[in-house]
Amino acid sequence: MPFALTHPVEANAVFVTMDEAALQRLHAAGWFVYRFIDDSVRFMCNWSTTPENVDEIGAALADIR
């Protein structure tokens, strides 16, 4: 996995280790995510998140590695 989990996945949030260059590439691709207080990058889902949405962010993350 190119972006290691920094916290257990227990709800609708995923926290990963990501360097600044990769984060900037993700922002440039149109995704809004931000650094959490421990310097990890936080991804959130809501009740309307679809499997297709998850596939989209997965493809974006694969593209920026």
PDB file of N, CA and C in Angstrom:
ATOM      1  N   MET A   1       0.853  -1.176   0.000  1.00  0.00           N
ATOM      2  CA  MET A   1       0.000   0.000   0.000  1.00  0.00           C
ATOM      3  C   MET A   1       0.900   1.240   0.000  1.00  0.00           C
ATOM      4  N   PRO A   2       0.687   2.134  -0.951  1.00  0.00           N
ATOM      5  CA  PRO A   2       1.573   3.312  -1.032  1.00  0.00           C
ATOM      6  C   PRO A   2       1.386   4.308   0.110  1.00  0.00           C
ATOM      7  N   PHE A   3       0.214   4.341   0.709  1.00  0.00           N
ATOM      8  CA  PHE A   3      -0.055   5.270   1.803  1.00  0.00           C
ATOM      9  C   PHE A   3      -0.476   4.449   3.021  1.00  0.00           C
ATOM     10  N   ALA A   4       0.419   4.330   3.974  1.00  0.00           N
ATOM     11  CA  ALA A   4       0.168   3.489   5.145  1.00  0.00           C
ATOM     12  C   ALA A   4      -0.871   4.122   6.061  1.00  0.00           C
ATOM     13  N   LEU A   5      -1.720   3.271   6.628  1.00  0.00           N
ATOM     14  CA  LEU A   5      -2.695   3.733   7.611  1.00  0.00           C
ATOM     15  C   LEU A   5      -1.968   4.172   8.876  1.00  0.00           C
ATOM     16  N   THR A   6      -2.433   5.278   9.458  1.00  0.00           N
ATOM     17  CA  THR A   6      -1.825   5.761  10.695  1.00  0.00           C
ATOM     18  C   THR A   6      -2.695   5.492  11.912  1.00  0.00           C
ATOM     19  N   HIS A   7      -3.963   5.162  11.688  1.00  0.00           N
ATOM     20  CA  HIS A   7      -4.899   4.859  12.767  1.00  0.00           C
ATOM     21  C   HIS A   7      -5.786   3.703  12.323  1.00  0.00           C
ATOM     22  N   PRO A   8      -6.294   2.904  13.247  1.00  0.00           N
ATOM     23  CA  PRO A   8      -7.242   1.855  12.866  1.00  0.00           C
ATOM     24  C   PRO A   8      -8.491   2.470  12.222  1.00  0.00           C
ATOM     25  N   VAL A   9      -9.038   1.796  11.240  1.00  0.00           N
ATOM     26  CA  VAL A   9     -10.275   2.261  10.609  1.00  0.00           C
ATOM     27  C   VAL A   9     -11.427   1.728  11.441  1.00  0.00           C
ATOM     28  N   GLU A  10     -12.110   2.647  12.137  1.00  0.00           N
ATOM     29  CA  GLU A  10     -13.189   2.252  13.035  1.00  0.00           C
ATOM     30  C   GLU A  10     -14.513   2.914  12.690  1.00  0.00           C
ATOM     31  N   ALA A  11     -14.503   3.849  11.775  1.00  0.00           N
ATOM     32  CA  ALA A  11     -15.731   4.566  11.418  1.00  0.00           C
ATOM     33  C   ALA A  11     -15.607   5.030   9.972  1.00  0.00           C
ATOM     34  N   ASN A  12     -16.056   6.240   9.696  1.00  0.00           N
ATOM     35  CA  ASN A  12     -16.061   6.746   8.328  1.00  0.00           C
ATOM     36  C   ASN A  12     -14.844   7.608   8.007  1.00  0.00           C
ATOM     37  N   ALA A  13     -13.767   7.458   8.746  1.00  0.00           N
ATOM     38  CA  ALA A  13     -12.546   8.228   8.507  1.00  0.00           C
ATOM     39  C   ALA A  13     -11.374   7.281   8.285  1.00  0.00           C
ATOM     40  N   VAL A  14     -10.511   7.663   7.353  1.00  0.00           N
ATOM     41  CA  VAL A  14      -9.281   6.920   7.088  1.00  0.00           C
ATOM     42  C   VAL A  14      -8.143   7.923   7.157  1.00  0.00           C
ATOM     43  N   PHE A  15      -7.112   7.587   7.921  1.00  0.00           N
ATOM     44  CA  PHE A  15      -5.948   8.451   8.105  1.00  0.00           C
ATOM     45  C   PHE A  15      -4.721   7.741   7.542  1.00  0.00           C
ATOM     46  N   VAL A  16      -3.974   8.435   6.684  1.00  0.00           N
ATOM     47  CA  VAL A  16      -2.798   7.823   6.057  1.00  0.00           C
ATOM     48  C   VAL A  16      -1.581   8.747   6.159  1.00  0.00           C
ATOM     49  N   THR A  17      -0.424   8.129   6.007  1.00  0.00           N
ATOM     50  CA  THR A  17       0.820   8.872   5.880  1.00  0.00           C
ATOM     51  C   THR A  17       0.958   9.276   4.415  1.00  0.00           C
ATOM     52  N   MET A  18       1.194  10.564   4.171  1.00  0.00           N
ATOM     53  CA  MET A  18       1.345  11.046   2.796  1.00  0.00           C
ATOM     54  C   MET A  18       2.300  12.229   2.804  1.00  0.00           C
ATOM     55  N   ASP A  19       3.282  12.192   1.910  1.00  0.00           N
ATOM     56  CA  ASP A  19       4.203  13.319   1.861  1.00  0.00           C
ATOM     57  C   ASP A  19       3.536  14.535   1.212  1.00  0.00           C
ATOM     58  N   GLU A  20       4.138  15.673   1.388  1.00  0.00           N
ATOM     59  CA  GLU A  20       3.538  16.933   0.916  1.00  0.00           C
ATOM     60  C   GLU A  20       3.385  16.959  -0.597  1.00  0.00           C
ATOM     61  N   ALA A  21       4.350  16.413  -1.320  1.00  0.00           N
ATOM     62  CA  ALA A  21       4.261  16.418  -2.787  1.00  0.00           C
ATOM     63  C   ALA A  21       3.048  15.615  -3.263  1.00  0.00           C
ATOM     64  N   ALA A  22       2.811  14.450  -2.667  1.00  0.00           N
ATOM     65  CA  ALA A  22       1.652  13.642  -3.050  1.00  0.00           C
ATOM     66  C   ALA A  22       0.356  14.352  -2.686  1.00  0.00           C
ATOM     67  N   LEU A  23       0.331  14.995  -1.521  1.00  0.00           N
ATOM     68  CA  LEU A  23      -0.864  15.742  -1.113  1.00  0.00           C
ATOM     69  C   LEU A  23      -1.143  16.874  -2.099  1.00  0.00           C
ATOM     70  N   GLN A  24      -0.124  17.569  -2.540  1.00  0.00           N
ATOM     71  CA  GLN A  24      -0.311  18.649  -3.509  1.00  0.00           C
ATOM     72  C   GLN A  24      -0.816  18.117  -4.849  1.00  0.00           C
ATOM     73  N   ARG A  25      -0.318  16.945  -5.265  1.00  0.00           N
ATOM     74  CA  ARG A  25      -0.812  16.340  -6.511  1.00  0.00           C
ATOM     75  C   ARG A  25      -2.284  15.953  -6.375  1.00  0.00           C
ATOM     76  N   LEU A  26      -2.668  15.465  -5.211  1.00  0.00           N
ATOM     77  CA  LEU A  26      -4.071  15.109  -4.982  1.00  0.00           C
ATOM     78  C   LEU A  26      -4.951  16.353  -5.025  1.00  0.00           C
ATOM     79  N   HIS A  27      -4.493  17.435  -4.402  1.00  0.00           N
ATOM     80  CA  HIS A  27      -5.229  18.702  -4.467  1.00  0.00           C
ATOM     81  C   HIS A  27      -5.343  19.178  -5.914  1.00  0.00           C
ATOM     82  N   ALA A  28      -4.247  19.096  -6.663  1.00  0.00           N
ATOM     83  CA  ALA A  28      -4.255  19.544  -8.066  1.00  0.00           C
ATOM     84  C   ALA A  28      -5.221  18.717  -8.909  1.00  0.00           C
ATOM     85  N   ALA A  29      -5.456  17.465  -8.493  1.00  0.00           N
ATOM     86  CA  ALA A  29      -6.407  16.601  -9.206  1.00  0.00           C
ATOM     87  C   ALA A  29      -7.852  16.898  -8.819  1.00  0.00           C
ATOM     88  N   GLY A  30      -8.049  17.858  -7.889  1.00  0.00           N
ATOM     89  CA  GLY A  30      -9.399  18.288  -7.541  1.00  0.00           C
ATOM     90  C   GLY A  30      -9.974  17.685  -6.277  1.00  0.00           C
ATOM     91  N   TRP A  31      -9.173  16.967  -5.508  1.00  0.00           N
ATOM     92  CA  TRP A  31      -9.652  16.352  -4.271  1.00  0.00           C
ATOM     93  C   TRP A  31      -9.305  17.235  -3.088  1.00  0.00           C
ATOM     94  N   PHE A  32     -10.256  17.407  -2.175  1.00  0.00           N
ATOM     95  CA  PHE A  32     -10.015  18.204  -0.975  1.00  0.00           C
ATOM     96  C   PHE A  32      -9.851  17.266   0.214  1.00  0.00           C
ATOM     97  N   VAL A  33      -8.647  17.168   0.674  1.00  0.00           N
ATOM     98  CA  VAL A  33      -8.325  16.462   1.910  1.00  0.00           C
ATOM     99  C   VAL A  33      -7.323  17.345   2.642  1.00  0.00           C
ATOM    100  N   TYR A  34      -7.141  17.097   3.911  1.00  0.00           N
ATOM    101  CA  TYR A  34      -6.218  17.960   4.649  1.00  0.00           C
ATOM    102  C   TYR A  34      -5.451  17.163   5.693  1.00  0.00           C
ATOM    103  N   ARG A  35      -4.412  17.802   6.195  1.00  0.00           N
ATOM    104  CA  ARG A  35      -3.616  17.192   7.245  1.00  0.00           C
ATOM    105  C   ARG A  35      -4.364  17.269   8.565  1.00  0.00           C
ATOM    106  N   PHE A  36      -4.308  16.177   9.293  1.00  0.00           N
ATOM    107  CA  PHE A  36      -4.897  16.100  10.618  1.00  0.00           C
ATOM    108  C   PHE A  36      -3.849  16.574  11.627  1.00  0.00           C
ATOM    109  N   ILE A  37      -4.225  16.675  12.892  1.00  0.00           N
ATOM    110  CA  ILE A  37      -3.335  17.233  13.909  1.00  0.00           C
ATOM    111  C   ILE A  37      -2.053  16.434  14.110  1.00  0.00           C
ATOM    112  N   ASP A  38      -2.039  15.156  13.716  1.00  0.00           N
ATOM    113  CA  ASP A  38      -0.824  14.346  13.867  1.00  0.00           C
ATOM    114  C   ASP A  38      -0.007  14.265  12.585  1.00  0.00           C
ATOM    115  N   ASP A  39      -0.323  15.102  11.601  1.00  0.00           N
ATOM    116  CA  ASP A  39       0.350  15.198  10.301  1.00  0.00           C
ATOM    117  C   ASP A  39      -0.080  14.116   9.317  1.00  0.00           C
ATOM    118  N   SER A  40      -0.999  13.250   9.704  1.00  0.00           N
ATOM    119  CA  SER A  40      -1.539  12.294   8.738  1.00  0.00           C
ATOM    120  C   SER A  40      -2.527  13.039   7.835  1.00  0.00           C
ATOM    121  N   VAL A  41      -2.945  12.384   6.763  1.00  0.00           N
ATOM    122  CA  VAL A  41      -3.941  12.960   5.858  1.00  0.00           C
ATOM    123  C   VAL A  41      -5.253  12.219   6.104  1.00  0.00           C
ATOM    124  N   ARG A  42      -6.316  12.980   6.262  1.00  0.00           N
ATOM    125  CA  ARG A  42      -7.618  12.444   6.660  1.00  0.00           C
ATOM    126  C   ARG A  42      -8.570  12.392   5.468  1.00  0.00           C
ATOM    127  N   PHE A  43      -9.185  11.235   5.285  1.00  0.00           N
ATOM    128  CA  PHE A  43     -10.230  11.023   4.289  1.00  0.00           C
ATOM    129  C   PHE A  43     -11.514  10.698   5.032  1.00  0.00           C
ATOM    130  N   MET A  44     -12.609  11.325   4.633  1.00  0.00           N
ATOM    131  CA  MET A  44     -13.896  11.103   5.288  1.00  0.00           C
ATOM    132  C   MET A  44     -14.931  10.645   4.257  1.00  0.00           C
ATOM    133  N   CYS A  45     -15.818   9.763   4.692  1.00  0.00           N
ATOM    134  CA  CYS A  45     -16.977   9.358   3.898  1.00  0.00           C
ATOM    135  C   CYS A  45     -18.227   9.817   4.623  1.00  0.00           C
ATOM    136  N   ASN A  46     -19.306  10.003   3.871  1.00  0.00           N
ATOM    137  CA  ASN A  46     -20.593  10.293   4.502  1.00  0.00           C
ATOM    138  C   ASN A  46     -21.611   9.267   4.031  1.00  0.00           C
ATOM    139  N   TRP A  47     -22.853   9.440   4.455  1.00  0.00           N
ATOM    140  CA  TRP A  47     -23.869   8.445   4.136  1.00  0.00           C
ATOM    141  C   TRP A  47     -24.157   8.338   2.649  1.00  0.00           C
ATOM    142  N   SER A  48     -23.832   9.369   1.886  1.00  0.00           N
ATOM    143  CA  SER A  48     -24.120   9.320   0.448  1.00  0.00           C
ATOM    144  C   SER A  48     -22.931   8.828  -0.380  1.00  0.00           C
ATOM    145  N   THR A  49     -21.840   8.446   0.255  1.00  0.00           N
ATOM    146  CA  THR A  49     -20.678   7.931  -0.467  1.00  0.00           C
ATOM    147  C   THR A  49     -21.042   6.593  -1.116  1.00  0.00           C
ATOM    148  N   THR A  50     -20.748   6.487  -2.406  1.00  0.00           N
ATOM    149  CA  THR A  50     -21.078   5.269  -3.154  1.00  0.00           C
ATOM    150  C   THR A  50     -19.815   4.443  -3.397  1.00  0.00           C
ATOM    151  N   PRO A  51     -19.976   3.189  -3.746  1.00  0.00           N
ATOM    152  CA  PRO A  51     -18.803   2.399  -4.130  1.00  0.00           C
ATOM    153  C   PRO A  51     -18.035   3.037  -5.295  1.00  0.00           C
ATOM    154  N   GLU A  52     -18.762   3.680  -6.192  1.00  0.00           N
ATOM    155  CA  GLU A  52     -18.107   4.360  -7.315  1.00  0.00           C
ATOM    156  C   GLU A  52     -17.240   5.521  -6.830  1.00  0.00           C
ATOM    157  N   ASN A  53     -17.713   6.248  -5.815  1.00  0.00           N
ATOM    158  CA  ASN A  53     -16.901   7.329  -5.224  1.00  0.00           C
ATOM    159  C   ASN A  53     -15.602   6.780  -4.652  1.00  0.00           C
ATOM    160  N   VAL A  54     -15.698   5.651  -3.983  1.00  0.00           N
ATOM    161  CA  VAL A  54     -14.505   5.025  -3.404  1.00  0.00           C
ATOM    162  C   VAL A  54     -13.548   4.609  -4.517  1.00  0.00           C
ATOM    163  N   ASP A  55     -14.091   4.054  -5.598  1.00  0.00           N
ATOM    164  CA  ASP A  55     -13.251   3.692  -6.737  1.00  0.00           C
ATOM    165  C   ASP A  55     -12.567   4.920  -7.331  1.00  0.00           C
ATOM    166  N   GLU A  56     -13.275   6.056  -7.395  1.00  0.00           N
ATOM    167  CA  GLU A  56     -12.708   7.293  -7.948  1.00  0.00           C
ATOM    168  C   GLU A  56     -11.523   7.781  -7.125  1.00  0.00           C
ATOM    169  N   ILE A  57     -11.673   7.821  -5.805  1.00  0.00           N
ATOM    170  CA  ILE A  57     -10.552   8.287  -4.984  1.00  0.00           C
ATOM    171  C   ILE A  57      -9.418   7.267  -5.014  1.00  0.00           C
ATOM    172  N   GLY A  58      -9.754   5.999  -5.091  1.00  0.00           N
ATOM    173  CA  GLY A  58      -8.708   4.973  -5.217  1.00  0.00           C
ATOM    174  C   GLY A  58      -7.898   5.161  -6.480  1.00  0.00           C
ATOM    175  N   ALA A  59      -8.570   5.465  -7.593  1.00  0.00           N
ATOM    176  CA  ALA A  59      -7.865   5.700  -8.865  1.00  0.00           C
ATOM    177  C   ALA A  59      -7.012   6.970  -8.774  1.00  0.00           C
ATOM    178  N   ALA A  60      -7.539   8.001  -8.140  1.00  0.00           N
ATOM    179  CA  ALA A  60      -6.767   9.248  -7.980  1.00  0.00           C
ATOM    180  C   ALA A  60      -5.524   8.998  -7.135  1.00  0.00           C
ATOM    181  N   LEU A  61      -5.663   8.216  -6.073  1.00  0.00           N
ATOM    182  CA  LEU A  61      -4.504   7.914  -5.243  1.00  0.00           C
ATOM    183  C   LEU A  61      -3.470   7.080  -6.003  1.00  0.00           C
ATOM    184  N   ALA A  62      -3.931   6.156  -6.818  1.00  0.00           N
ATOM    185  CA  ALA A  62      -3.004   5.366  -7.629  1.00  0.00           C
ATOM    186  C   ALA A  62      -2.257   6.261  -8.616  1.00  0.00           C
ATOM    187  N   ASP A  63      -2.944   7.257  -9.159  1.00  0.00           N
ATOM    188  CA  ASP A  63      -2.329   8.161 -10.145  1.00  0.00           C
ATOM    189  C   ASP A  63      -1.264   9.064  -9.545  1.00  0.00           C
ATOM    190  N   ILE A  64      -1.404   9.426  -8.264  1.00  0.00           N
ATOM    191  CA  ILE A  64      -0.467  10.396  -7.686  1.00  0.00           C
ATOM    192  C   ILE A  64       0.737   9.759  -7.020  1.00  0.00           C
ATOM    193  N   ARG A  65       0.749   8.426  -6.875  1.00  0.00           N
ATOM    194  CA  ARG A  65       1.884   7.794  -6.208  1.00  0.00           C
ATOM    195  C   ARG A  65       3.100   8.177  -6.880  1.00  0.00           C
TER     196      ARG A  65
END
